[in-house]
Amino acid sequence: MGIFHRFFSRREIEPKNVKPKSANLAFVLLSEARLPEVEAIARAFVDFAAPGESLQNASESAGENTGQQIHSLRLSTGERAFVALIPAAVPEGEAENAARYSLSSFGNDWKLPAHCAQLLVSLRVESSSSLLIELSRFTSLLAAVTKVAPAVGVYWGNAGATHAADFFLSIASDRDVGPRMMLWSGVSMVRKKDGRLSLLSLGMEQLNLPDLLLVAGKSSENIAIEMMFDLLTYVAERGQPLPEGDSVGRNTDEQVTIHYIPSPIDSSKEVLHVELP
């Protein structure tokens, strides 16, 4: 992804999305039922977190978690986190089904390997940090757990996708919003009856923002995914939905008009709609 997002809107508005008290939640899928040591998670966290951020054991005593299947942790920025072992697979094939919406499956038909257990990873948000910052911190925590666990995938329900473990670690190693957006939102891809390609993002509600429906004609299919994630990144960094009827594009000669329409998967919600030639 390049500088596409720098040229999107005619208007610039400072982000105002402040996160209320809530929790982020996802599942690290395991090939064996094992809870990593707190110290290992803390060491790995530094590899993904913003400079100066760290993770500590939040147990009241050194032996509090001995024999238990849950870790309590605290970020240096004040958030409380939990990692709990669930010695069973995600039921009813939910995680397997969500794998098709991850970019890690695009182009290579990646399928989620068998898993026999999962680590529930939760970050309790109690600060006034922006949604974007908190989501990035949660991503760093998830990556740390994935790195030190026998992980085969990461099932992130709010992102609408199950990512391959190696893909998740590779993307999370870049701390910028652009690459991490590929973890925060899955993509539903369908071919319309008229032959055009339709792409729907699945994770923007985490940022209190509308998802994006991008429809690409034959001449723009090869750049559709890149353009989609550049636009998602721009809107996420902006912190507010783009205005109805605004123009977006990579430069002044390549502009398209945006509109809001009912979501194709939930008509009670609106999505940002962009059509490319």
Protein backbone atom coordinates (compact mmCIF):
# COMPACT_ATOMS: atom_id res chain seq x y z
CA MET A 1 0.00 0.00 0.00
CA GLY A 2 1.33 3.38 -0.95
CA ILE A 3 0.26 6.99 -0.63
CA PHE A 4 -3.25 6.43 -2.02
CA HIS A 5 -4.97 7.32 1.25
CA ARG A 6 -3.34 10.75 1.40
CA PHE A 7 -5.53 12.02 -1.42
CA PHE A 8 -8.92 10.70 -0.42
CA SER A 9 -11.12 13.51 0.83
CA ARG A 10 -11.58 17.18 0.13
CA ARG A 11 -12.17 17.71 3.85
CA GLU A 12 -9.87 17.06 6.82
CA ILE A 13 -11.45 16.64 10.24
CA GLU A 14 -9.61 15.68 13.41
CA PRO A 15 -10.45 12.21 14.79
CA LYS A 16 -12.95 12.34 17.64
CA ASN A 17 -13.70 8.66 18.25
CA VAL A 18 -13.05 8.06 21.95
CA LYS A 19 -13.59 4.54 23.15
CA PRO A 20 -16.10 3.90 25.95
CA LYS A 21 -15.35 1.26 28.58
CA SER A 22 -15.55 -2.03 26.74
CA ALA A 23 -13.60 -5.17 25.93
CA ASN A 24 -11.84 -6.49 22.85
CA LEU A 25 -12.07 -10.25 22.39
CA ALA A 26 -10.53 -12.86 20.06
CA PHE A 27 -9.37 -16.47 20.08
CA VAL A 28 -5.93 -17.92 19.34
CA LEU A 29 -6.50 -21.41 17.94
CA LEU A 30 -4.14 -24.15 19.15
CA SER A 31 -2.75 -27.44 17.87
CA GLU A 32 -2.29 -28.52 21.51
CA ALA A 33 -3.97 -27.38 24.73
CA ARG A 34 -1.25 -25.34 26.37
CA LEU A 35 -1.29 -21.98 28.16
CA PRO A 36 1.95 -20.02 27.55
CA GLU A 37 3.85 -18.58 30.50
CA VAL A 38 3.11 -14.97 31.42
CA GLU A 39 6.78 -14.07 31.11
CA ALA A 40 6.92 -15.39 27.54
CA ILE A 41 3.86 -13.38 26.54
CA ALA A 42 5.33 -10.24 28.14
CA ARG A 43 8.64 -10.65 26.29
CA ALA A 44 6.89 -11.19 22.96
CA PHE A 45 4.59 -8.19 23.51
CA VAL A 46 7.53 -5.80 23.18
CA ASP A 47 8.13 -7.09 19.63
CA PHE A 48 4.74 -5.78 18.50
CA ALA A 49 3.78 -2.95 20.86
CA ALA A 50 4.42 0.76 20.47
CA PRO A 51 7.76 1.94 21.89
CA GLY A 52 7.68 2.17 25.67
CA GLU A 53 4.61 -0.05 26.14
CA SER A 54 4.99 -3.24 28.17
CA LEU A 55 2.99 -6.02 29.78
CA GLN A 56 3.13 -7.32 33.35
CA ASN A 57 1.64 -10.13 35.40
CA ALA A 58 -1.39 -8.68 37.21
CA SER A 59 -1.82 -11.53 39.71
CA GLU A 60 -1.93 -10.38 43.30
CA SER A 61 0.71 -12.93 44.31
CA ALA A 62 3.41 -14.79 42.42
CA GLY A 63 1.64 -18.12 42.80
CA GLU A 64 -1.91 -16.99 42.19
CA ASN A 65 -2.20 -18.54 38.75
CA THR A 66 -0.37 -21.77 39.61
CA GLY A 67 -2.41 -24.70 38.32
CA GLN A 68 -5.03 -22.40 36.83
CA GLN A 69 -5.85 -22.03 33.14
CA ILE A 70 -6.00 -18.23 33.04
CA HIS A 71 -3.52 -15.37 33.17
CA SER A 72 -4.35 -11.87 34.37
CA LEU A 73 -2.12 -9.16 32.90
CA ARG A 74 -1.86 -5.40 32.89
CA LEU A 75 -0.48 -3.13 30.20
CA SER A 76 1.82 -0.29 31.21
CA THR A 77 -0.83 2.03 29.70
CA GLY A 78 -3.38 0.86 32.30
CA GLU A 79 -5.55 -1.67 30.46
CA ARG A 80 -6.31 -5.06 32.01
CA ALA A 81 -5.95 -8.20 29.90
CA PHE A 82 -6.83 -11.86 30.31
CA VAL A 83 -5.62 -14.98 28.52
CA ALA A 84 -7.63 -18.12 29.28
CA LEU A 85 -7.19 -21.67 27.99
CA ILE A 86 -10.31 -23.37 26.63
CA PRO A 87 -9.50 -27.06 26.00
CA ALA A 88 -11.92 -27.41 23.08
CA ALA A 89 -12.20 -26.27 19.48
CA VAL A 90 -14.45 -23.38 18.43
CA PRO A 91 -17.83 -25.11 17.94
CA GLU A 92 -19.92 -25.55 14.81
CA GLY A 93 -17.12 -24.73 12.37
CA GLU A 94 -17.33 -20.97 13.05
CA ALA A 95 -13.57 -20.45 12.91
CA GLU A 96 -13.17 -22.57 9.77
CA ASN A 97 -15.96 -20.70 7.99
CA ALA A 98 -14.46 -17.29 8.85
CA ALA A 99 -11.10 -18.26 7.30
CA ARG A 100 -12.43 -17.48 3.81
CA TYR A 101 -12.79 -13.81 4.77
CA SER A 102 -9.14 -13.34 5.71
CA LEU A 103 -6.66 -11.97 3.21
CA SER A 104 -4.41 -14.86 4.27
CA SER A 105 -6.70 -17.15 2.24
CA PHE A 106 -6.90 -14.96 -0.86
CA GLY A 107 -4.97 -16.33 -3.81
CA ASN A 108 -3.84 -19.55 -2.12
CA ASP A 109 -7.08 -21.06 -0.77
CA TRP A 110 -5.60 -21.34 2.74
CA LYS A 111 -7.68 -23.49 5.05
CA LEU A 112 -7.56 -23.41 8.83
CA PRO A 113 -5.64 -26.45 10.14
CA ALA A 114 -7.30 -28.61 12.77
CA HIS A 115 -7.28 -27.15 16.26
CA CYS A 116 -8.10 -28.87 19.55
CA ALA A 117 -8.07 -25.90 21.91
CA GLN A 118 -8.15 -22.12 22.02
CA LEU A 119 -6.86 -19.21 24.04
CA LEU A 120 -9.47 -16.57 24.80
CA VAL A 121 -7.67 -13.23 24.72
CA SER A 122 -9.43 -10.16 26.12
CA LEU A 123 -8.36 -6.56 26.66
CA ARG A 124 -10.50 -4.47 28.99
CA VAL A 125 -10.46 -0.84 27.91
CA GLU A 126 -10.79 1.73 30.68
CA SER A 127 -8.79 4.63 29.29
CA SER A 128 -9.70 7.63 27.15
CA SER A 129 -7.43 6.52 24.33
CA SER A 130 -8.85 6.52 20.81
CA LEU A 131 -10.45 3.43 19.35
CA LEU A 132 -7.58 3.19 16.91
CA ILE A 133 -4.91 3.11 19.62
CA GLU A 134 -6.80 0.57 21.73
CA LEU A 135 -7.39 -1.69 18.73
CA SER A 136 -3.71 -1.56 17.90
CA ARG A 137 -2.77 -2.43 21.50
CA PHE A 138 -5.11 -5.40 21.39
CA THR A 139 -3.49 -6.48 18.12
CA SER A 140 -0.07 -6.38 19.79
CA LEU A 141 -1.38 -8.49 22.68
CA LEU A 142 -2.93 -11.03 20.29
CA ALA A 143 0.31 -11.23 18.31
CA ALA A 144 2.35 -11.79 21.48
CA VAL A 145 0.11 -14.67 22.57
CA THR A 146 0.13 -16.15 19.06
CA LYS A 147 3.92 -16.01 18.87
CA VAL A 148 4.54 -18.05 22.04
CA ALA A 149 1.60 -20.46 21.72
CA PRO A 150 1.20 -23.55 19.48
CA ALA A 151 -1.05 -21.44 17.28
CA VAL A 152 -2.51 -22.36 13.90
CA GLY A 153 -4.80 -19.35 13.51
CA VAL A 154 -6.49 -16.35 15.11
CA TYR A 155 -10.30 -16.23 15.12
CA TRP A 156 -11.32 -12.57 15.47
CA GLY A 157 -15.11 -12.47 15.45
CA ASN A 158 -15.41 -8.67 15.46
CA ALA A 159 -13.14 -8.56 12.41
CA GLY A 160 -15.26 -11.20 10.71
CA ALA A 161 -12.25 -13.37 9.89
CA THR A 162 -9.92 -16.17 10.95
CA HIS A 163 -6.32 -15.39 10.04
CA ALA A 164 -3.44 -17.80 9.55
CA ALA A 165 -1.04 -17.57 12.49
CA ASP A 166 2.03 -16.75 10.38
CA PHE A 167 0.07 -14.15 8.42
CA PHE A 168 -1.11 -12.54 11.65
CA LEU A 169 2.41 -12.32 13.05
CA SER A 170 3.85 -10.96 9.81
CA ILE A 171 1.26 -8.18 9.55
CA ALA A 172 1.28 -7.34 13.27
CA SER A 173 5.06 -6.87 13.18
CA ASP A 174 4.36 -3.61 11.34
CA ARG A 175 2.95 -1.13 13.86
CA ASP A 176 1.36 1.15 11.25
CA VAL A 177 -2.41 1.38 10.81
CA GLY A 178 -2.36 0.48 7.10
CA PRO A 179 -0.98 -3.05 7.40
CA ARG A 180 -2.87 -3.80 10.62
CA MET A 181 -6.14 -2.89 8.94
CA MET A 182 -5.74 -6.20 7.08
CA LEU A 183 -6.14 -7.95 10.45
CA TRP A 184 -8.92 -5.70 11.75
CA SER A 185 -11.31 -6.35 8.87
CA GLY A 186 -12.14 -9.43 6.91
CA VAL A 187 -13.43 -9.12 3.35
CA SER A 188 -16.43 -10.78 1.74
CA MET A 189 -15.84 -11.10 -2.00
CA VAL A 190 -18.57 -11.99 -4.51
CA ARG A 191 -19.01 -11.74 -8.24
CA LYS A 192 -22.13 -9.79 -9.21
CA LYS A 193 -24.48 -10.95 -11.96
CA ASP A 194 -23.17 -8.21 -14.26
CA GLY A 195 -19.61 -9.54 -13.85
CA ARG A 196 -18.31 -6.82 -11.53
CA LEU A 197 -16.38 -7.68 -8.36
CA SER A 198 -18.01 -6.73 -5.04
CA LEU A 199 -15.91 -6.37 -1.87
CA LEU A 200 -17.44 -5.79 1.57
CA SER A 201 -15.38 -5.04 4.68
CA LEU A 202 -16.47 -6.76 7.91
CA GLY A 203 -14.71 -5.10 10.84
CA MET A 204 -15.17 -1.34 10.89
CA GLU A 205 -17.79 -1.39 13.65
CA GLN A 206 -14.87 -1.89 16.04
CA LEU A 207 -13.99 1.72 15.26
CA ASN A 208 -17.59 2.94 15.36
CA LEU A 209 -17.36 3.47 11.60
CA PRO A 210 -19.39 2.09 8.68
CA ASP A 211 -18.10 -0.80 6.64
CA LEU A 212 -17.16 -0.26 3.00
CA LEU A 213 -18.80 -1.83 -0.04
CA LEU A 214 -16.51 -1.39 -3.04
CA VAL A 215 -17.67 -2.53 -6.47
CA ALA A 216 -14.99 -2.76 -9.14
CA GLY A 217 -15.35 -2.99 -12.91
CA LYS A 218 -13.07 -5.06 -15.10
CA SER A 219 -10.48 -2.31 -15.51
CA SER A 220 -10.02 -1.83 -11.76
CA GLU A 221 -10.21 -5.40 -10.44
CA ASN A 222 -6.45 -5.74 -10.05
CA ILE A 223 -6.26 -2.76 -7.71
CA ALA A 224 -9.60 -3.18 -5.91
CA ILE A 225 -8.31 -4.76 -2.68
CA GLU A 226 -5.45 -2.30 -2.37
CA MET A 227 -7.80 0.64 -2.90
CA MET A 228 -10.27 -0.81 -0.43
CA PHE A 229 -7.76 -1.09 2.41
CA ASP A 230 -6.24 2.29 1.65
CA LEU A 231 -9.69 3.84 1.95
CA LEU A 232 -10.45 1.92 5.15
CA THR A 233 -7.14 3.09 6.59
CA TYR A 234 -7.84 6.69 5.67
CA VAL A 235 -11.30 6.63 7.28
CA ALA A 236 -9.91 4.91 10.39
CA GLU A 237 -7.18 7.52 10.82
CA ARG A 238 -9.68 10.29 10.16
CA GLY A 239 -11.87 8.93 12.94
CA GLN A 240 -15.20 9.95 11.38
CA PRO A 241 -17.31 8.74 8.45
CA LEU A 242 -16.79 10.53 5.17
CA PRO A 243 -19.63 12.90 4.21
CA GLU A 244 -22.34 11.72 1.81
CA GLY A 245 -21.51 12.83 -1.73
CA ASP A 246 -17.82 13.44 -1.00
CA SER A 247 -15.22 12.60 -3.64
CA VAL A 248 -12.35 10.17 -3.13
CA GLY A 249 -9.46 9.08 -5.30
CA ARG A 250 -5.73 8.64 -5.62
CA ASN A 251 -5.33 12.01 -7.31
CA THR A 252 -7.42 14.88 -8.64
CA ASP A 253 -7.85 13.17 -12.01
CA GLU A 254 -9.21 9.95 -10.52
CA GLN A 255 -12.21 10.80 -8.36
CA VAL A 256 -15.34 8.82 -7.51
CA THR A 257 -18.35 9.90 -5.47
CA ILE A 258 -19.29 8.07 -2.28
CA HIS A 259 -22.79 7.28 -1.05
CA TYR A 260 -24.35 5.42 1.85
CA ILE A 261 -26.62 2.46 1.15
CA PRO A 262 -28.09 -0.39 3.21
CA SER A 263 -25.60 -3.17 3.88
CA PRO A 264 -26.08 -6.20 1.63
CA ILE A 265 -25.85 -8.48 4.68
CA ASP A 266 -27.80 -6.36 7.20
CA SER A 267 -30.27 -3.84 5.79
CA SER A 268 -30.61 -2.14 9.20
CA LYS A 269 -27.07 -0.77 8.82
CA GLU A 270 -25.56 1.55 6.24
CA VAL A 271 -22.28 1.03 4.46
CA LEU A 272 -20.02 3.40 2.56
CA HIS A 273 -20.50 2.60 -1.14
CA VAL A 274 -17.88 3.24 -3.82
CA GLU A 275 -18.01 2.12 -7.46
CA LEU A 276 -14.89 1.91 -9.60
CA PRO A 277 -14.93 1.73 -13.41
